[in-house]
Amino acid sequence: MTTTPRLGRAALVVSLIVAPWLAGCASSGQDTWTKPGVTEQQRGRDTLDCLTEARRVTPGPGGPSESVNQDRYRRCMTERGYTSGPAQ
């Protein structure tokens, strides 16, 4: 029995669930992260990694609430060599 197809399917499911979260949690739509020579796929992975690292879950009366520490997110992207600027 091989786990590779399962891992591929799991990654696809996670990406489909996380994509809307990324859109809502990333820094404002006015900016984009750029890095010379990086592919869109790598930028997406780095963005997801940094958003995951910056994610906070806080308890509340209506259930847990998720938010992103924007300073931590920006610091993570900067440490990976990206710069933020106006969207093209």
N, C-alpha and C. Protein backbone atom coordinates (compact mmCIF):
# COMPACT_ATOMS: atom_id res chain seq x y z
N MET A 1 0.84 -1.19 0.00
CA MET A 1 0.00 0.00 0.00
C MET A 1 0.88 1.25 0.00
N THR A 2 0.62 2.17 -0.87
CA THR A 2 1.41 3.39 -0.95
C THR A 2 0.61 4.57 -0.43
N THR A 3 1.33 5.51 0.22
CA THR A 3 0.65 6.68 0.80
C THR A 3 0.77 7.91 -0.08
N THR A 4 1.55 7.84 -1.14
CA THR A 4 1.75 9.01 -1.99
C THR A 4 0.45 9.54 -2.58
N PRO A 5 -0.42 8.72 -3.18
CA PRO A 5 -1.68 9.26 -3.69
C PRO A 5 -2.53 9.88 -2.59
N ARG A 6 -2.53 9.29 -1.42
CA ARG A 6 -3.29 9.86 -0.30
C ARG A 6 -2.75 11.22 0.09
N LEU A 7 -1.43 11.32 0.15
CA LEU A 7 -0.83 12.61 0.50
C LEU A 7 -1.16 13.67 -0.53
N GLY A 8 -1.16 13.28 -1.80
CA GLY A 8 -1.50 14.22 -2.87
C GLY A 8 -2.94 14.70 -2.74
N ARG A 9 -3.84 13.77 -2.46
CA ARG A 9 -5.25 14.14 -2.28
C ARG A 9 -5.43 15.00 -1.04
N ALA A 10 -4.73 14.64 0.02
CA ALA A 10 -4.84 15.42 1.26
C ALA A 10 -4.34 16.85 1.03
N ALA A 11 -3.24 16.99 0.31
CA ALA A 11 -2.71 18.33 0.02
C ALA A 11 -3.69 19.13 -0.81
N LEU A 12 -4.34 18.48 -1.77
CA LEU A 12 -5.33 19.16 -2.60
C LEU A 12 -6.51 19.63 -1.76
N VAL A 13 -7.01 18.76 -0.90
CA VAL A 13 -8.14 19.13 -0.05
C VAL A 13 -7.77 20.28 0.86
N VAL A 14 -6.59 20.20 1.47
CA VAL A 14 -6.15 21.28 2.36
C VAL A 14 -6.02 22.58 1.59
N SER A 15 -5.46 22.53 0.38
CA SER A 15 -5.30 23.77 -0.38
C SER A 15 -6.64 24.37 -0.77
N LEU A 16 -7.62 23.53 -1.08
CA LEU A 16 -8.95 24.05 -1.42
C LEU A 16 -9.63 24.68 -0.21
N ILE A 17 -9.38 24.14 0.96
CA ILE A 17 -9.96 24.70 2.18
C ILE A 17 -9.22 25.97 2.58
N VAL A 18 -7.91 25.97 2.41
CA VAL A 18 -7.09 27.08 2.88
C VAL A 18 -7.11 28.27 1.92
N ALA A 19 -7.35 28.05 0.64
CA ALA A 19 -7.30 29.14 -0.34
C ALA A 19 -8.20 30.31 0.02
N PRO A 20 -9.47 30.07 0.38
CA PRO A 20 -10.30 31.22 0.77
C PRO A 20 -9.78 31.91 2.03
N TRP A 21 -9.24 31.12 2.93
CA TRP A 21 -8.69 31.68 4.16
C TRP A 21 -7.50 32.57 3.82
N LEU A 22 -6.65 32.11 2.89
CA LEU A 22 -5.51 32.92 2.47
C LEU A 22 -5.97 34.25 1.91
N ALA A 23 -6.97 34.21 1.08
CA ALA A 23 -7.47 35.43 0.45
C ALA A 23 -7.97 36.42 1.50
N GLY A 24 -8.61 35.93 2.52
CA GLY A 24 -9.16 36.80 3.55
C GLY A 24 -8.16 37.23 4.59
N CYS A 25 -7.11 36.45 4.79
CA CYS A 25 -6.20 36.72 5.89
C CYS A 25 -4.90 37.40 5.48
N ALA A 26 -4.55 37.32 4.23
CA ALA A 26 -3.31 37.95 3.79
C ALA A 26 -3.43 39.46 3.95
N SER A 27 -2.29 40.12 3.94
CA SER A 27 -2.34 41.57 4.08
C SER A 27 -3.17 42.17 2.95
N SER A 28 -3.47 43.41 3.06
CA SER A 28 -4.44 44.05 2.18
C SER A 28 -4.23 43.72 0.71
N GLY A 29 -5.31 43.77 -0.05
CA GLY A 29 -5.25 43.47 -1.47
C GLY A 29 -4.48 44.53 -2.25
N GLN A 30 -4.08 45.59 -1.60
CA GLN A 30 -3.33 46.65 -2.26
C GLN A 30 -1.87 46.27 -2.47
N ASP A 31 -1.35 45.32 -1.69
CA ASP A 31 0.05 44.95 -1.77
C ASP A 31 0.21 43.53 -2.29
N THR A 32 1.38 43.27 -2.84
CA THR A 32 1.73 41.93 -3.28
C THR A 32 3.18 41.66 -2.86
N TRP A 33 3.49 40.40 -2.63
CA TRP A 33 4.84 40.01 -2.24
C TRP A 33 5.60 39.57 -3.47
N THR A 34 6.80 40.11 -3.66
CA THR A 34 7.62 39.76 -4.80
C THR A 34 9.00 39.31 -4.33
N LYS A 35 9.60 38.46 -5.15
CA LYS A 35 10.95 37.97 -4.90
C LYS A 35 11.51 37.56 -6.25
N PRO A 36 12.66 38.09 -6.62
CA PRO A 36 13.23 37.75 -7.93
C PRO A 36 13.42 36.23 -8.09
N GLY A 37 12.96 35.71 -9.23
CA GLY A 37 13.18 34.32 -9.56
C GLY A 37 12.25 33.32 -8.90
N VAL A 38 11.31 33.78 -8.10
CA VAL A 38 10.41 32.84 -7.42
C VAL A 38 9.22 32.51 -8.31
N THR A 39 8.79 31.26 -8.26
CA THR A 39 7.61 30.86 -9.04
C THR A 39 6.35 31.18 -8.24
N GLU A 40 5.23 31.23 -8.93
CA GLU A 40 3.95 31.46 -8.25
C GLU A 40 3.68 30.34 -7.24
N GLN A 41 4.05 29.13 -7.62
CA GLN A 41 3.83 27.99 -6.73
C GLN A 41 4.65 28.14 -5.44
N GLN A 42 5.92 28.53 -5.56
CA GLN A 42 6.75 28.71 -4.37
C GLN A 42 6.25 29.87 -3.53
N ARG A 43 5.84 30.96 -4.19
CA ARG A 43 5.30 32.10 -3.44
C ARG A 43 4.06 31.68 -2.68
N GLY A 44 3.21 30.86 -3.30
CA GLY A 44 2.02 30.36 -2.62
C GLY A 44 2.36 29.51 -1.40
N ARG A 45 3.36 28.64 -1.56
CA ARG A 45 3.79 27.81 -0.42
C ARG A 45 4.35 28.67 0.71
N ASP A 46 5.20 29.65 0.34
CA ASP A 46 5.77 30.53 1.36
C ASP A 46 4.69 31.35 2.06
N THR A 47 3.73 31.84 1.28
CA THR A 47 2.62 32.60 1.86
C THR A 47 1.84 31.74 2.83
N LEU A 48 1.52 30.52 2.43
CA LEU A 48 0.78 29.61 3.30
C LEU A 48 1.57 29.30 4.57
N ASP A 49 2.86 29.03 4.42
CA ASP A 49 3.70 28.74 5.59
C ASP A 49 3.71 29.94 6.55
N CYS A 50 3.88 31.13 6.01
CA CYS A 50 3.94 32.32 6.87
C CYS A 50 2.59 32.62 7.51
N LEU A 51 1.50 32.44 6.77
CA LEU A 51 0.18 32.64 7.36
C LEU A 51 -0.09 31.63 8.46
N THR A 52 0.33 30.40 8.24
CA THR A 52 0.15 29.37 9.26
C THR A 52 0.96 29.71 10.50
N GLU A 53 2.18 30.18 10.29
CA GLU A 53 3.03 30.56 11.42
C GLU A 53 2.45 31.74 12.20
N ALA A 54 1.79 32.65 11.50
CA ALA A 54 1.26 33.86 12.12
C ALA A 54 -0.18 33.70 12.63
N ARG A 55 -0.76 32.54 12.41
CA ARG A 55 -2.16 32.30 12.77
C ARG A 55 -2.32 32.21 14.29
N ARG A 56 -3.40 32.82 14.77
CA ARG A 56 -3.76 32.75 16.19
C ARG A 56 -5.19 32.27 16.29
N VAL A 57 -5.43 31.39 17.22
CA VAL A 57 -6.78 30.94 17.53
C VAL A 57 -7.05 31.35 18.96
N THR A 58 -8.09 32.15 19.14
CA THR A 58 -8.44 32.60 20.49
C THR A 58 -9.84 32.12 20.84
N PRO A 59 -9.99 31.66 22.07
CA PRO A 59 -11.32 31.20 22.49
C PRO A 59 -12.25 32.40 22.66
N GLY A 60 -13.52 32.15 22.50
CA GLY A 60 -14.51 33.19 22.68
C GLY A 60 -15.85 32.58 23.02
N PRO A 61 -16.79 33.41 23.44
CA PRO A 61 -18.10 32.90 23.85
C PRO A 61 -18.85 32.22 22.70
N GLY A 62 -18.59 32.62 21.47
CA GLY A 62 -19.25 32.02 20.32
C GLY A 62 -18.41 30.92 19.69
N GLY A 63 -17.34 30.54 20.32
CA GLY A 63 -16.44 29.52 19.79
C GLY A 63 -15.10 30.14 19.44
N PRO A 64 -14.17 29.32 19.03
CA PRO A 64 -12.84 29.85 18.72
C PRO A 64 -12.86 30.79 17.52
N SER A 65 -11.98 31.76 17.56
CA SER A 65 -11.86 32.75 16.50
C SER A 65 -10.43 32.72 15.96
N GLU A 66 -10.29 32.74 14.64
CA GLU A 66 -8.98 32.74 14.01
C GLU A 66 -8.63 34.14 13.53
N SER A 67 -7.36 34.49 13.70
CA SER A 67 -6.86 35.75 13.17
C SER A 67 -5.40 35.55 12.78
N VAL A 68 -4.86 36.51 12.07
CA VAL A 68 -3.47 36.46 11.65
C VAL A 68 -2.76 37.67 12.23
N ASN A 69 -1.63 37.40 12.91
CA ASN A 69 -0.78 38.47 13.41
C ASN A 69 -0.03 39.03 12.21
N GLN A 70 -0.48 40.18 11.71
CA GLN A 70 0.07 40.75 10.48
C GLN A 70 1.55 41.07 10.59
N ASP A 71 2.00 41.53 11.77
CA ASP A 71 3.43 41.83 11.94
C ASP A 71 4.27 40.56 11.79
N ARG A 72 3.81 39.49 12.39
CA ARG A 72 4.53 38.22 12.30
C ARG A 72 4.52 37.70 10.86
N TYR A 73 3.38 37.83 10.18
CA TYR A 73 3.27 37.41 8.79
C TYR A 73 4.25 38.18 7.90
N ARG A 74 4.26 39.50 8.03
CA ARG A 74 5.16 40.33 7.22
C ARG A 74 6.62 40.01 7.52
N ARG A 75 6.95 39.81 8.79
CA ARG A 75 8.31 39.49 9.17
C ARG A 75 8.74 38.16 8.54
N CYS A 76 7.86 37.17 8.57
CA CYS A 76 8.16 35.86 7.98
C CYS A 76 8.43 35.99 6.47
N MET A 77 7.58 36.71 5.77
CA MET A 77 7.77 36.88 4.33
C MET A 77 9.07 37.64 4.03
N THR A 78 9.36 38.66 4.82
CA THR A 78 10.58 39.43 4.64
C THR A 78 11.81 38.56 4.89
N GLU A 79 11.74 37.73 5.93
CA GLU A 79 12.87 36.84 6.23
C GLU A 79 13.10 35.82 5.13
N ARG A 80 12.08 35.52 4.35
CA ARG A 80 12.22 34.59 3.23
C ARG A 80 12.68 35.30 1.95
N GLY A 81 12.94 36.60 2.04
CA GLY A 81 13.49 37.33 0.92
C GLY A 81 12.49 38.08 0.07
N TYR A 82 11.24 38.18 0.50
CA TYR A 82 10.21 38.88 -0.26
C TYR A 82 10.15 40.35 0.13
N THR A 83 9.70 41.16 -0.81
CA THR A 83 9.40 42.56 -0.54
C THR A 83 7.95 42.81 -0.88
N SER A 84 7.35 43.72 -0.15
CA SER A 84 5.94 44.05 -0.35
C SER A 84 5.85 45.36 -1.11
N GLY A 85 4.93 45.40 -2.05
CA GLY A 85 4.74 46.60 -2.83
C GLY A 85 3.36 46.63 -3.44
N PRO A 86 3.02 47.71 -4.10
CA PRO A 86 1.70 47.84 -4.72
C PRO A 86 1.46 46.72 -5.73
N ALA A 87 0.25 46.24 -5.78
CA ALA A 87 -0.13 45.21 -6.76
C ALA A 87 -0.04 45.80 -8.16
N GLN A 88 0.41 45.00 -9.09
CA GLN A 88 0.57 45.45 -10.48
C GLN A 88 -0.76 45.45 -11.18
